[in-house]
Every structure is written in C-alpha cells, then in structure tokens.
C-alpha cells in the first residue's frame, strides 16, 4: 500500500474529481490518496464520486487555507 498526493489547489469543480479519476487509474488496490483542495465543494463532490465508484472515503482535515481529503482505492477501477 502506498500513499499518493494529489494537488488540486486552485481547481474548481469538476477538475478535482477529474484529476482524481485520472490518478486512480494508475494506482493499485489498497493505495491511498491525499487530495489537497481549495474548492469548498470538492469534499461533497469527492464523497459522491467515492460512493459511486465504491472507493472508501477515509477522512477530511481542514487546514488553514485548504482541505486534505483521504480516500483508498478498492478492487474496482474507475
């Protein structure tokens, strides 16, 4: 299991989800992704994307100027 970072700071909907989906296609089952984003709608969008694609949404942390969202890749590729 590896942890990967995705910098989606400054990107507006739907770009954080598009960048996430592109990254997920390159990763392995069990890998985790830390997504840094500034768009306040990104948390809701990524939660919905995870539910649809069956990837666990692990956590969200609020930093001073951005969110850190953590997800894990399951066995089904998006």
PDB file of N, CA and C in Angstrom:
ATOM      1  N   UNK A   1       0.842  -1.177   0.000  1.00  0.00           N
ATOM      2  CA  UNK A   1       0.000   0.000   0.000  1.00  0.00           C
ATOM      3  C   UNK A   1       0.889   1.243   0.000  1.00  0.00           C
ATOM      4  N   UNK A   2       0.591   2.167  -0.885  1.00  0.00           N
ATOM      5  CA  UNK A   2       1.314   3.428  -0.974  1.00  0.00           C
ATOM      6  C   UNK A   2       0.337   4.584  -0.793  1.00  0.00           C
ATOM      7  N   UNK A   3       0.857   5.712  -0.348  1.00  0.00           N
ATOM      8  CA  UNK A   3       0.060   6.926  -0.247  1.00  0.00           C
ATOM      9  C   UNK A   3       0.552   7.901  -1.306  1.00  0.00           C
ATOM     10  N   UNK A   4      -0.381   8.444  -2.068  1.00  0.00           N
ATOM     11  CA  UNK A   4      -0.079   9.368  -3.152  1.00  0.00           C
ATOM     12  C   UNK A   4      -0.727  10.708  -2.854  1.00  0.00           C
ATOM     13  N   UNK A   5      -0.088  11.776  -3.303  1.00  0.00           N
ATOM     14  CA  UNK A   5      -0.633  13.109  -3.111  1.00  0.00           C
ATOM     15  C   UNK A   5      -1.181  13.634  -4.435  1.00  0.00           C
ATOM     16  N   UNK A   6      -2.316  14.317  -4.338  1.00  0.00           N
ATOM     17  CA  UNK A   6      -2.910  14.990  -5.488  1.00  0.00           C
ATOM     18  C   UNK A   6      -3.125  16.448  -5.099  1.00  0.00           C
ATOM     19  N   UNK A   7      -2.450  17.342  -5.794  1.00  0.00           N
ATOM     20  CA  UNK A   7      -2.597  18.768  -5.525  1.00  0.00           C
ATOM     21  C   UNK A   7      -3.687  19.319  -6.441  1.00  0.00           C
ATOM     22  N   UNK A   8      -4.859  19.572  -5.865  1.00  0.00           N
ATOM     23  CA  UNK A   8      -5.970  20.141  -6.622  1.00  0.00           C
ATOM     24  C   UNK A   8      -6.277  21.560  -6.142  1.00  0.00           C
ATOM     25  N   UNK A   9      -5.301  22.190  -5.507  1.00  0.00           N
ATOM     26  CA  UNK A   9      -5.488  23.555  -5.031  1.00  0.00           C
ATOM     27  C   UNK A   9      -5.696  24.491  -6.220  1.00  0.00           C
ATOM     28  N   UNK A  10      -6.668  25.372  -6.073  1.00  0.00           N
ATOM     29  CA  UNK A  10      -6.968  26.333  -7.126  1.00  0.00           C
ATOM     30  C   UNK A  10      -7.874  25.817  -8.224  1.00  0.00           C
ATOM     31  N   UNK A  11      -8.169  24.519  -8.200  1.00  0.00           N
ATOM     32  CA  UNK A  11      -9.047  23.939  -9.219  1.00  0.00           C
ATOM     33  C   UNK A  11     -10.494  23.997  -8.764  1.00  0.00           C
ATOM     34  N   UNK A  12     -11.375  24.343  -9.676  1.00  0.00           N
ATOM     35  CA  UNK A  12     -12.813  24.398  -9.398  1.00  0.00           C
ATOM     36  C   UNK A  12     -13.496  23.177  -9.982  1.00  0.00           C
ATOM     37  N   UNK A  13     -14.660  22.870  -9.459  1.00  0.00           N
ATOM     38  CA  UNK A  13     -15.482  21.771  -9.929  1.00  0.00           C
ATOM     39  C   UNK A  13     -15.640  21.870 -11.449  1.00  0.00           C
ATOM     40  N   UNK A  14     -15.471  20.775 -12.140  1.00  0.00           N
ATOM     41  CA  UNK A  14     -15.282  19.383 -11.709  1.00  0.00           C
ATOM     42  C   UNK A  14     -13.822  18.919 -11.721  1.00  0.00           C
ATOM     43  N   UNK A  15     -12.880  19.828 -11.863  1.00  0.00           N
ATOM     44  CA  UNK A  15     -11.486  19.431 -12.063  1.00  0.00           C
ATOM     45  C   UNK A  15     -10.875  18.590 -10.943  1.00  0.00           C
ATOM     46  N   UNK A  16     -11.137  18.854  -9.655  1.00  0.00           N
ATOM     47  CA  UNK A  16     -10.549  17.960  -8.645  1.00  0.00           C
ATOM     48  C   UNK A  16     -10.973  16.491  -8.836  1.00  0.00           C
ATOM     49  N   UNK A  17     -12.223  16.277  -9.190  1.00  0.00           N
ATOM     50  CA  UNK A  17     -12.712  14.899  -9.405  1.00  0.00           C
ATOM     51  C   UNK A  17     -12.101  14.311 -10.676  1.00  0.00           C
ATOM     52  N   UNK A  18     -11.974  15.105 -11.716  1.00  0.00           N
ATOM     53  CA  UNK A  18     -11.365  14.610 -12.963  1.00  0.00           C
ATOM     54  C   UNK A  18      -9.906  14.227 -12.719  1.00  0.00           C
ATOM     55  N   UNK A  19      -9.165  15.065 -12.021  1.00  0.00           N
ATOM     56  CA  UNK A  19      -7.764  14.754 -11.709  1.00  0.00           C
ATOM     57  C   UNK A  19      -7.666  13.511 -10.823  1.00  0.00           C
ATOM     58  N   UNK A  20      -8.591  13.380  -9.880  1.00  0.00           N
ATOM     59  CA  UNK A  20      -8.624  12.207  -9.014  1.00  0.00           C
ATOM     60  C   UNK A  20      -8.859  10.946  -9.828  1.00  0.00           C
ATOM     61  N   UNK A  21      -9.832  10.983 -10.710  1.00  0.00           N
ATOM     62  CA  UNK A  21     -10.142   9.802 -11.514  1.00  0.00           C
ATOM     63  C   UNK A  21      -8.954   9.408 -12.396  1.00  0.00           C
ATOM     64  N   UNK A  22      -8.252  10.386 -12.962  1.00  0.00           N
ATOM     65  CA  UNK A  22      -7.076  10.095 -13.773  1.00  0.00           C
ATOM     66  C   UNK A  22      -5.990   9.409 -12.939  1.00  0.00           C
ATOM     67  N   UNK A  23      -5.792   9.875 -11.713  1.00  0.00           N
ATOM     68  CA  UNK A  23      -4.772   9.284 -10.842  1.00  0.00           C
ATOM     69  C   UNK A  23      -5.154   7.870 -10.413  1.00  0.00           C
ATOM     70  N   UNK A  24      -6.404   7.666 -10.066  1.00  0.00           N
ATOM     71  CA  UNK A  24      -6.861   6.354  -9.598  1.00  0.00           C
ATOM     72  C   UNK A  24      -6.580   5.278 -10.639  1.00  0.00           C
ATOM     73  N   UNK A  25      -6.713   5.599 -11.897  1.00  0.00           N
ATOM     74  CA  UNK A  25      -6.473   4.616 -12.971  1.00  0.00           C
ATOM     75  C   UNK A  25      -5.035   4.113 -13.003  1.00  0.00           C
ATOM     76  N   UNK A  26      -4.127   4.852 -12.384  1.00  0.00           N
ATOM     77  CA  UNK A  26      -2.713   4.480 -12.390  1.00  0.00           C
ATOM     78  C   UNK A  26      -2.278   3.739 -11.125  1.00  0.00           C
ATOM     79  N   UNK A  27      -3.176   3.621 -10.154  1.00  0.00           N
ATOM     80  CA  UNK A  27      -2.796   3.097  -8.843  1.00  0.00           C
ATOM     81  C   UNK A  27      -3.248   1.664  -8.635  1.00  0.00           C
ATOM     82  N   UNK A  28      -2.842   1.112  -7.501  1.00  0.00           N
ATOM     83  CA  UNK A  28      -3.152  -0.271  -7.149  1.00  0.00           C
ATOM     84  C   UNK A  28      -4.176  -0.333  -6.030  1.00  0.00           C
ATOM     85  N   UNK A  29      -4.835  -1.471  -5.927  1.00  0.00           N
ATOM     86  CA  UNK A  29      -5.784  -1.712  -4.849  1.00  0.00           C
ATOM     87  C   UNK A  29      -5.069  -1.538  -3.509  1.00  0.00           C
ATOM     88  N   UNK A  30      -5.715  -0.823  -2.602  1.00  0.00           N
ATOM     89  CA  UNK A  30      -5.159  -0.589  -1.279  1.00  0.00           C
ATOM     90  C   UNK A  30      -4.408   0.721  -1.159  1.00  0.00           C
ATOM     91  N   UNK A  31      -3.990   1.295  -2.286  1.00  0.00           N
ATOM     92  CA  UNK A  31      -3.307   2.584  -2.234  1.00  0.00           C
ATOM     93  C   UNK A  31      -4.240   3.654  -1.674  1.00  0.00           C
ATOM     94  N   UNK A  32      -3.644   4.649  -1.048  1.00  0.00           N
ATOM     95  CA  UNK A  32      -4.413   5.771  -0.525  1.00  0.00           C
ATOM     96  C   UNK A  32      -3.999   7.040  -1.252  1.00  0.00           C
ATOM     97  N   UNK A  33      -4.919   7.993  -1.302  1.00  0.00           N
ATOM     98  CA  UNK A  33      -4.653   9.285  -1.932  1.00  0.00           C
ATOM     99  C   UNK A  33      -4.990  10.383  -0.937  1.00  0.00           C
ATOM    100  N   UNK A  34      -4.079  11.339  -0.825  1.00  0.00           N
ATOM    101  CA  UNK A  34      -4.310  12.552  -0.057  1.00  0.00           C
ATOM    102  C   UNK A  34      -4.539  13.665  -1.080  1.00  0.00           C
ATOM    103  N   UNK A  35      -5.728  14.240  -1.080  1.00  0.00           N
ATOM    104  CA  UNK A  35      -6.089  15.275  -2.045  1.00  0.00           C
ATOM    105  C   UNK A  35      -6.114  16.613  -1.324  1.00  0.00           C
ATOM    106  N   UNK A  36      -5.280  17.541  -1.763  1.00  0.00           N
ATOM    107  CA  UNK A  36      -5.280  18.902  -1.220  1.00  0.00           C
ATOM    108  C   UNK A  36      -6.104  19.770  -2.157  1.00  0.00           C
ATOM    109  N   UNK A  37      -7.140  20.424  -1.632  1.00  0.00           N
ATOM    110  CA  UNK A  37      -8.010  21.224  -2.491  1.00  0.00           C
ATOM    111  C   UNK A  37      -8.502  22.473  -1.774  1.00  0.00           C
ATOM    112  N   UNK A  38      -8.800  23.486  -2.566  1.00  0.00           N
ATOM    113  CA  UNK A  38      -9.291  24.755  -2.032  1.00  0.00           C
ATOM    114  C   UNK A  38     -10.757  24.992  -2.355  1.00  0.00           C
ATOM    115  N   UNK A  39     -11.319  24.253  -3.283  1.00  0.00           N
ATOM    116  CA  UNK A  39     -12.728  24.411  -3.643  1.00  0.00           C
ATOM    117  C   UNK A  39     -13.593  23.817  -2.529  1.00  0.00           C
ATOM    118  N   UNK A  40     -14.444  24.627  -1.881  1.00  0.00           N
ATOM    119  CA  UNK A  40     -15.264  24.098  -0.787  1.00  0.00           C
ATOM    120  C   UNK A  40     -16.229  22.999  -1.225  1.00  0.00           C
ATOM    121  N   UNK A  41     -16.583  22.950  -2.502  1.00  0.00           N
ATOM    122  CA  UNK A  41     -17.490  21.910  -2.995  1.00  0.00           C
ATOM    123  C   UNK A  41     -16.779  20.581  -3.236  1.00  0.00           C
ATOM    124  N   UNK A  42     -15.456  20.579  -3.192  1.00  0.00           N
ATOM    125  CA  UNK A  42     -14.699  19.369  -3.513  1.00  0.00           C
ATOM    126  C   UNK A  42     -15.004  18.220  -2.562  1.00  0.00           C
ATOM    127  N   UNK A  43     -15.183  18.508  -1.277  1.00  0.00           N
ATOM    128  CA  UNK A  43     -15.468  17.424  -0.334  1.00  0.00           C
ATOM    129  C   UNK A  43     -16.742  16.688  -0.727  1.00  0.00           C
ATOM    130  N   UNK A  44     -17.791  17.414  -0.989  1.00  0.00           N
ATOM    131  CA  UNK A  44     -19.061  16.785  -1.377  1.00  0.00           C
ATOM    132  C   UNK A  44     -18.914  16.032  -2.699  1.00  0.00           C
ATOM    133  N   UNK A  45     -18.245  16.654  -3.657  1.00  0.00           N
ATOM    134  CA  UNK A  45     -18.060  16.019  -4.968  1.00  0.00           C
ATOM    135  C   UNK A  45     -17.251  14.735  -4.862  1.00  0.00           C
ATOM    136  N   UNK A  46     -16.178  14.766  -4.078  1.00  0.00           N
ATOM    137  CA  UNK A  46     -15.324  13.586  -3.935  1.00  0.00           C
ATOM    138  C   UNK A  46     -16.035  12.502  -3.135  1.00  0.00           C
ATOM    139  N   UNK A  47     -16.801  12.879  -2.115  1.00  0.00           N
ATOM    140  CA  UNK A  47     -17.605  11.887  -1.381  1.00  0.00           C
ATOM    141  C   UNK A  47     -18.568  11.174  -2.334  1.00  0.00           C
ATOM    142  N   UNK A  48     -19.239  11.938  -3.174  1.00  0.00           N
ATOM    143  CA  UNK A  48     -20.187  11.348  -4.138  1.00  0.00           C
ATOM    144  C   UNK A  48     -19.470  10.442  -5.125  1.00  0.00           C
ATOM    145  N   UNK A  49     -18.331  10.907  -5.626  1.00  0.00           N
ATOM    146  CA  UNK A  49     -17.553  10.105  -6.569  1.00  0.00           C
ATOM    147  C   UNK A  49     -17.117   8.796  -5.916  1.00  0.00           C
ATOM    148  N   UNK A  50     -16.663   8.862  -4.664  1.00  0.00           N
ATOM    149  CA  UNK A  50     -16.244   7.652  -3.950  1.00  0.00           C
ATOM    150  C   UNK A  50     -17.409   6.677  -3.788  1.00  0.00           C
ATOM    151  N   UNK A  51     -18.574   7.183  -3.448  1.00  0.00           N
ATOM    152  CA  UNK A  51     -19.744   6.319  -3.271  1.00  0.00           C
ATOM    153  C   UNK A  51     -20.110   5.625  -4.579  1.00  0.00           C
ATOM    154  N   UNK A  52     -20.139   6.385  -5.658  1.00  0.00           N
ATOM    155  CA  UNK A  52     -20.487   5.829  -6.970  1.00  0.00           C
ATOM    156  C   UNK A  52     -19.476   4.781  -7.412  1.00  0.00           C
ATOM    157  N   UNK A  53     -18.185   5.050  -7.164  1.00  0.00           N
ATOM    158  CA  UNK A  53     -17.118   4.170  -7.640  1.00  0.00           C
ATOM    159  C   UNK A  53     -16.634   3.171  -6.600  1.00  0.00           C
ATOM    160  N   UNK A  54     -17.289   3.170  -5.436  1.00  0.00           N
ATOM    161  CA  UNK A  54     -17.008   2.198  -4.378  1.00  0.00           C
ATOM    162  C   UNK A  54     -15.587   2.260  -3.841  1.00  0.00           C
ATOM    163  N   UNK A  55     -15.072   3.465  -3.693  1.00  0.00           N
ATOM    164  CA  UNK A  55     -13.781   3.677  -3.052  1.00  0.00           C
ATOM    165  C   UNK A  55     -14.049   4.281  -1.675  1.00  0.00           C
ATOM    166  N   UNK A  56     -13.470   3.740  -0.625  1.00  0.00           N
ATOM    167  CA  UNK A  56     -13.709   4.277   0.717  1.00  0.00           C
ATOM    168  C   UNK A  56     -13.210   5.721   0.876  1.00  0.00           C
ATOM    169  N   UNK A  57     -14.085   6.558   1.388  1.00  0.00           N
ATOM    170  CA  UNK A  57     -13.732   7.931   1.775  1.00  0.00           C
ATOM    171  C   UNK A  57     -13.270   7.830   3.219  1.00  0.00           C
ATOM    172  N   UNK A  58     -11.993   8.075   3.479  1.00  0.00           N
ATOM    173  CA  UNK A  58     -11.419   7.812   4.793  1.00  0.00           C
ATOM    174  C   UNK A  58     -11.550   8.962   5.773  1.00  0.00           C
ATOM    175  N   UNK A  59     -11.224  10.171   5.325  1.00  0.00           N
ATOM    176  CA  UNK A  59     -11.155  11.273   6.266  1.00  0.00           C
ATOM    177  C   UNK A  59     -11.060  12.588   5.515  1.00  0.00           C
ATOM    178  N   UNK A  60     -11.375  13.658   6.211  1.00  0.00           N
ATOM    179  CA  UNK A  60     -11.147  15.010   5.693  1.00  0.00           C
ATOM    180  C   UNK A  60     -10.613  15.857   6.842  1.00  0.00           C
ATOM    181  N   UNK A  61      -9.570  16.626   6.546  1.00  0.00           N
ATOM    182  CA  UNK A  61      -8.980  17.524   7.537  1.00  0.00           C
ATOM    183  C   UNK A  61      -9.025  18.941   6.982  1.00  0.00           C
ATOM    184  N   UNK A  62      -9.403  19.849   7.820  1.00  0.00           N
ATOM    185  CA  UNK A  62      -9.441  21.249   7.427  1.00  0.00           C
ATOM    186  C   UNK A  62      -8.135  21.918   7.851  1.00  0.00           C
ATOM    187  N   UNK A  63      -7.396  22.405   6.882  1.00  0.00           N
ATOM    188  CA  UNK A  63      -6.168  23.151   7.136  1.00  0.00           C
ATOM    189  C   UNK A  63      -6.496  24.646   7.052  1.00  0.00           C
ATOM    190  N   UNK A  64      -5.519  25.496   7.268  1.00  0.00           N
ATOM    191  CA  UNK A  64      -5.753  26.944   7.271  1.00  0.00           C
ATOM    192  C   UNK A  64      -6.349  27.431   5.950  1.00  0.00           C
ATOM    193  N   UNK A  65      -5.774  26.996   4.844  1.00  0.00           N
ATOM    194  CA  UNK A  65      -6.208  27.524   3.550  1.00  0.00           C
ATOM    195  C   UNK A  65      -6.663  26.461   2.553  1.00  0.00           C
ATOM    196  N   UNK A  66      -6.842  25.231   3.027  1.00  0.00           N
ATOM    197  CA  UNK A  66      -7.285  24.163   2.122  1.00  0.00           C
ATOM    198  C   UNK A  66      -7.806  22.965   2.927  1.00  0.00           C
ATOM    199  N   UNK A  67      -8.381  22.031   2.208  1.00  0.00           N
ATOM    200  CA  UNK A  67      -8.815  20.761   2.792  1.00  0.00           C
ATOM    201  C   UNK A  67      -7.857  19.662   2.372  1.00  0.00           C
ATOM    202  N   UNK A  68      -7.689  18.676   3.237  1.00  0.00           N
ATOM    203  CA  UNK A  68      -6.987  17.449   2.888  1.00  0.00           C
ATOM    204  C   UNK A  68      -8.010  16.329   2.974  1.00  0.00           C
ATOM    205  N   UNK A  69      -8.217  15.666   1.859  1.00  0.00           N
ATOM    206  CA  UNK A  69      -9.208  14.592   1.765  1.00  0.00           C
ATOM    207  C   UNK A  69      -8.455  13.290   1.511  1.00  0.00           C
ATOM    208  N   UNK A  70      -8.831  12.264   2.267  1.00  0.00           N
ATOM    209  CA  UNK A  70      -8.136  10.969   2.166  1.00  0.00           C
ATOM    210  C   UNK A  70      -9.116   9.903   1.674  1.00  0.00           C
ATOM    211  N   UNK A  71      -8.701   9.199   0.638  1.00  0.00           N
ATOM    212  CA  UNK A  71      -9.513   8.086   0.125  1.00  0.00           C
ATOM    213  C   UNK A  71      -8.612   6.883  -0.075  1.00  0.00           C
ATOM    214  N   UNK A  72      -9.233   5.717  -0.254  1.00  0.00           N
ATOM    215  CA  UNK A  72      -8.486   4.492  -0.513  1.00  0.00           C
ATOM    216  C   UNK A  72      -9.037   3.861  -1.791  1.00  0.00           C
ATOM    217  N   UNK A  73      -8.166   3.211  -2.523  1.00  0.00           N
ATOM    218  CA  UNK A  73      -8.560   2.552  -3.767  1.00  0.00           C
ATOM    219  C   UNK A  73      -9.009   1.139  -3.437  1.00  0.00           C
ATOM    220  N   UNK A  74     -10.198   0.763  -3.923  1.00  0.00           N
ATOM    221  CA  UNK A  74     -10.649  -0.610  -3.720  1.00  0.00           C
ATOM    222  C   UNK A  74     -10.377  -1.417  -4.981  1.00  0.00           C
ATOM    223  N   UNK A  75     -10.969  -2.593  -5.090  1.00  0.00           N
ATOM    224  CA  UNK A  75     -10.694  -3.503  -6.187  1.00  0.00           C
ATOM    225  C   UNK A  75     -11.313  -3.153  -7.514  1.00  0.00           C
ATOM    226  N   UNK A  76     -12.155  -2.178  -7.542  1.00  0.00           N
ATOM    227  CA  UNK A  76     -12.846  -1.818  -8.787  1.00  0.00           C
ATOM    228  C   UNK A  76     -12.225  -0.548  -9.355  1.00  0.00           C
ATOM    229  N   UNK A  77     -11.670  -0.637 -10.532  1.00  0.00           N
ATOM    230  CA  UNK A  77     -11.045   0.525 -11.162  1.00  0.00           C
ATOM    231  C   UNK A  77     -12.129   1.468 -11.670  1.00  0.00           C
ATOM    232  N   UNK A  78     -11.856   2.757 -11.593  1.00  0.00           N
ATOM    233  CA  UNK A  78     -12.803   3.786 -12.040  1.00  0.00           C
ATOM    234  C   UNK A  78     -12.494   4.189 -13.471  1.00  0.00           C
TER     235      UNK A  78
END
